[in-house]
Amino acid sequence: MLKALYIIVDDEADDPVYGDPPPGELDESIYARIAELVQDLMDGEVDARGTQKTPDGLLGWRSLVKTGLTFVAVVEDGVRPQQLEVFLQKVAKKYVDEVDDWRSPDRGGVAEVVIDVIPPWEEDVD
């Protein structure tokens, strides 16, 4: 159900510190919307966290404005906004707790941190 997850520093959407799938492999229109969202966050035009329904599913974000970190995910229809918000909160907390240099981490190690976070919509499945 998780289509994409990105961790972006400042407005550097072209080069996220973590991206699954890599930006070039995600539908161009979806990634363009993500880049626009990150820019809007940096400009203070959007709340630091939220969700938005798109034709491609649900887009969610959580920005740690003071550090310049933004966590963005795209999920399929069927995931509730609250579930996506909880997931992004967990990813952000795990990242901040386990990564030493938030703005310039060892990119290979970030994947190991993120993979440990189980999305709430997968926990709900019996």
C-alpha atoms as a PDB file:
ATOM      1  CA  MET A   1       0.000   0.000   0.000  1.00  0.00           C
ATOM      2  CA  LEU A   2       3.010   2.288   0.430  1.00  0.00           C
ATOM      3  CA  LYS A   3       3.874   3.617  -3.023  1.00  0.00           C
ATOM      4  CA  ALA A   4       6.713   5.945  -2.080  1.00  0.00           C
ATOM      5  CA  LEU A   5       8.621   7.354   0.882  1.00  0.00           C
ATOM      6  CA  TYR A   6      11.106  10.224   0.812  1.00  0.00           C
ATOM      7  CA  ILE A   7      13.211  12.104   3.331  1.00  0.00           C
ATOM      8  CA  ILE A   8      14.188  15.480   1.954  1.00  0.00           C
ATOM      9  CA  VAL A   9      16.501  18.121   3.428  1.00  0.00           C
ATOM     10  CA  ASP A  10      15.471  21.737   2.835  1.00  0.00           C
ATOM     11  CA  ASP A  11      14.129  22.057  -0.704  1.00  0.00           C
ATOM     12  CA  GLU A  12      16.504  19.517  -2.269  1.00  0.00           C
ATOM     13  CA  ALA A  13      13.769  17.296  -3.670  1.00  0.00           C
ATOM     14  CA  ASP A  14      15.971  16.282  -6.595  1.00  0.00           C
ATOM     15  CA  ASP A  15      18.388  14.582  -4.201  1.00  0.00           C
ATOM     16  CA  PRO A  16      16.540  13.144  -1.178  1.00  0.00           C
ATOM     17  CA  VAL A  17      18.592  11.598   1.631  1.00  0.00           C
ATOM     18  CA  TYR A  18      16.235   8.636   1.307  1.00  0.00           C
ATOM     19  CA  GLY A  19      13.969   7.705  -1.548  1.00  0.00           C
ATOM     20  CA  ASP A  20      12.027   4.554  -2.250  1.00  0.00           C
ATOM     21  CA  PRO A  21      11.556   4.260  -5.134  1.00  0.00           C
ATOM     22  CA  PRO A  22      14.285   6.544  -6.463  1.00  0.00           C
ATOM     23  CA  PRO A  23      12.708   9.794  -7.733  1.00  0.00           C
ATOM     24  CA  GLY A  24      13.364   8.882 -11.366  1.00  0.00           C
ATOM     25  CA  GLU A  25      11.311   5.700 -10.998  1.00  0.00           C
ATOM     26  CA  LEU A  26       8.196   7.378  -9.578  1.00  0.00           C
ATOM     27  CA  ASP A  27       5.580   8.814 -11.900  1.00  0.00           C
ATOM     28  CA  GLU A  28       6.863  12.242 -12.922  1.00  0.00           C
ATOM     29  CA  SER A  29       3.626  14.047 -12.009  1.00  0.00           C
ATOM     30  CA  ILE A  30       3.630  12.568  -8.502  1.00  0.00           C
ATOM     31  CA  TYR A  31       7.214  13.558  -7.854  1.00  0.00           C
ATOM     32  CA  ALA A  32       6.592  17.032  -9.263  1.00  0.00           C
ATOM     33  CA  ARG A  33       3.786  17.422  -6.712  1.00  0.00           C
ATOM     34  CA  ILE A  34       6.149  16.277  -3.944  1.00  0.00           C
ATOM     35  CA  ALA A  35       8.797  18.797  -5.005  1.00  0.00           C
ATOM     36  CA  GLU A  36       6.164  21.554  -5.117  1.00  0.00           C
ATOM     37  CA  LEU A  37       4.917  20.572  -1.666  1.00  0.00           C
ATOM     38  CA  VAL A  38       8.424  20.681  -0.189  1.00  0.00           C
ATOM     39  CA  GLN A  39       8.997  24.129  -1.681  1.00  0.00           C
ATOM     40  CA  ASP A  40       5.664  25.326  -0.254  1.00  0.00           C
ATOM     41  CA  LEU A  41       6.726  23.984   3.162  1.00  0.00           C
ATOM     42  CA  MET A  42      10.016  25.855   2.993  1.00  0.00           C
ATOM     43  CA  ASP A  43       8.152  29.032   2.027  1.00  0.00           C
ATOM     44  CA  GLY A  44       5.742  28.600   4.954  1.00  0.00           C
ATOM     45  CA  GLU A  45       2.718  28.284   2.671  1.00  0.00           C
ATOM     46  CA  VAL A  46       1.628  24.853   3.952  1.00  0.00           C
ATOM     47  CA  ASP A  47       1.184  23.409   7.448  1.00  0.00           C
ATOM     48  CA  ALA A  48       4.142  21.382   8.711  1.00  0.00           C
ATOM     49  CA  ARG A  49       2.115  18.186   8.557  1.00  0.00           C
ATOM     50  CA  GLY A  50      -0.890  16.968   6.708  1.00  0.00           C
ATOM     51  CA  THR A  51      -2.387  14.795   4.025  1.00  0.00           C
ATOM     52  CA  GLN A  52      -3.911  15.458   0.645  1.00  0.00           C
ATOM     53  CA  LYS A  53      -5.990  13.226  -1.611  1.00  0.00           C
ATOM     54  CA  THR A  54      -4.538  13.024  -5.127  1.00  0.00           C
ATOM     55  CA  PRO A  55      -5.516  11.080  -8.242  1.00  0.00           C
ATOM     56  CA  ASP A  56      -2.664   8.687  -7.391  1.00  0.00           C
ATOM     57  CA  GLY A  57      -3.704   8.006  -3.795  1.00  0.00           C
ATOM     58  CA  LEU A  58      -3.027   9.817  -0.552  1.00  0.00           C
ATOM     59  CA  LEU A  59      -0.042  12.135  -0.158  1.00  0.00           C
ATOM     60  CA  GLY A  60       1.162  12.802   3.372  1.00  0.00           C
ATOM     61  CA  TRP A  61       3.948  14.876   4.853  1.00  0.00           C
ATOM     62  CA  ARG A  62       5.584  15.783   8.123  1.00  0.00           C
ATOM     63  CA  SER A  63       8.132  18.555   8.215  1.00  0.00           C
ATOM     64  CA  LEU A  64      10.530  19.296  11.032  1.00  0.00           C
ATOM     65  CA  VAL A  65      10.812  22.927  10.015  1.00  0.00           C
ATOM     66  CA  LYS A  66      13.654  23.921  12.362  1.00  0.00           C
ATOM     67  CA  THR A  67      15.887  21.134  11.049  1.00  0.00           C
ATOM     68  CA  GLY A  68      14.820  21.432   7.407  1.00  0.00           C
ATOM     69  CA  LEU A  69      13.752  17.776   7.244  1.00  0.00           C
ATOM     70  CA  THR A  70      10.597  16.709   5.437  1.00  0.00           C
ATOM     71  CA  PHE A  71       9.179  13.189   5.389  1.00  0.00           C
ATOM     72  CA  VAL A  72       6.802  12.542   2.491  1.00  0.00           C
ATOM     73  CA  ALA A  73       4.851   9.401   1.613  1.00  0.00           C
ATOM     74  CA  VAL A  74       2.372   8.364  -1.038  1.00  0.00           C
ATOM     75  CA  VAL A  75       0.001   5.500  -0.296  1.00  0.00           C
ATOM     76  CA  GLU A  76      -2.751   3.753  -2.201  1.00  0.00           C
ATOM     77  CA  ASP A  77      -6.409   4.506  -1.677  1.00  0.00           C
ATOM     78  CA  GLY A  78      -7.743   2.644   1.328  1.00  0.00           C
ATOM     79  CA  VAL A  79      -5.203   4.006   3.802  1.00  0.00           C
ATOM     80  CA  ARG A  80      -6.819   6.452   6.197  1.00  0.00           C
ATOM     81  CA  PRO A  81      -5.211   9.898   6.592  1.00  0.00           C
ATOM     82  CA  GLN A  82      -4.701   9.266  10.305  1.00  0.00           C
ATOM     83  CA  GLN A  83      -2.799   6.056   9.559  1.00  0.00           C
ATOM     84  CA  LEU A  84      -0.493   7.891   7.173  1.00  0.00           C
ATOM     85  CA  GLU A  85       0.087  10.671   9.707  1.00  0.00           C
ATOM     86  CA  VAL A  86       0.990   8.105  12.405  1.00  0.00           C
ATOM     87  CA  PHE A  87       3.344   6.333   9.998  1.00  0.00           C
ATOM     88  CA  LEU A  88       5.168   9.563   9.119  1.00  0.00           C
ATOM     89  CA  GLN A  89       5.391  10.457  12.804  1.00  0.00           C
ATOM     90  CA  LYS A  90       6.978   7.065  13.541  1.00  0.00           C
ATOM     91  CA  VAL A  91       9.426   7.383  10.631  1.00  0.00           C
ATOM     92  CA  ALA A  92      10.444  10.896  11.724  1.00  0.00           C
ATOM     93  CA  LYS A  93      10.931   9.796  15.350  1.00  0.00           C
ATOM     94  CA  LYS A  94      12.946   6.721  14.385  1.00  0.00           C
ATOM     95  CA  TYR A  95      15.088   8.821  12.040  1.00  0.00           C
ATOM     96  CA  VAL A  96      15.783  11.529  14.636  1.00  0.00           C
ATOM     97  CA  ASP A  97      16.497   8.936  17.334  1.00  0.00           C
ATOM     98  CA  GLU A  98      18.861   6.778  15.289  1.00  0.00           C
ATOM     99  CA  VAL A  99      20.585   9.008  12.734  1.00  0.00           C
ATOM    100  CA  ASP A 100      23.536  11.048  14.004  1.00  0.00           C
ATOM    101  CA  ASP A 101      23.812  13.712  11.310  1.00  0.00           C
ATOM    102  CA  TRP A 102      20.208  14.435  10.340  1.00  0.00           C
ATOM    103  CA  ARG A 103      20.991  16.772   7.464  1.00  0.00           C
ATOM    104  CA  SER A 104      23.801  14.720   5.961  1.00  0.00           C
ATOM    105  CA  PRO A 105      23.435  11.091   7.054  1.00  0.00           C
ATOM    106  CA  ASP A 106      25.096   7.961   5.772  1.00  0.00           C
ATOM    107  CA  ARG A 107      22.508   7.343   3.076  1.00  0.00           C
ATOM    108  CA  GLY A 108      23.001   3.596   3.090  1.00  0.00           C
ATOM    109  CA  GLY A 109      22.207   3.452   6.788  1.00  0.00           C
ATOM    110  CA  VAL A 110      18.983   5.432   6.460  1.00  0.00           C
ATOM    111  CA  ALA A 111      17.302   2.535   4.646  1.00  0.00           C
ATOM    112  CA  GLU A 112      17.993   0.271   7.629  1.00  0.00           C
ATOM    113  CA  VAL A 113      16.380   2.801   9.978  1.00  0.00           C
ATOM    114  CA  VAL A 114      13.287   3.321   7.839  1.00  0.00           C
ATOM    115  CA  ILE A 115      12.686  -0.358   7.094  1.00  0.00           C
ATOM    116  CA  ASP A 116      12.080  -1.029  10.809  1.00  0.00           C
ATOM    117  CA  VAL A 117       8.958   1.159  10.882  1.00  0.00           C
ATOM    118  CA  ILE A 118       5.832  -0.941  10.337  1.00  0.00           C
ATOM    119  CA  PRO A 119       2.994   1.028   8.740  1.00  0.00           C
ATOM    120  CA  PRO A 120      -0.207   1.084  10.854  1.00  0.00           C
ATOM    121  CA  TRP A 121      -2.279  -0.221   7.938  1.00  0.00           C
ATOM    122  CA  GLU A 122      -0.153  -3.384   7.956  1.00  0.00           C
ATOM    123  CA  GLU A 123      -0.565  -3.768  11.735  1.00  0.00           C
ATOM    124  CA  ASP A 124      -4.355  -3.657  11.333  1.00  0.00           C
ATOM    125  CA  VAL A 125      -4.380  -6.644   8.986  1.00  0.00           C
ATOM    126  CA  ASP A 126      -5.247  -9.917  10.745  1.00  0.00           C
END
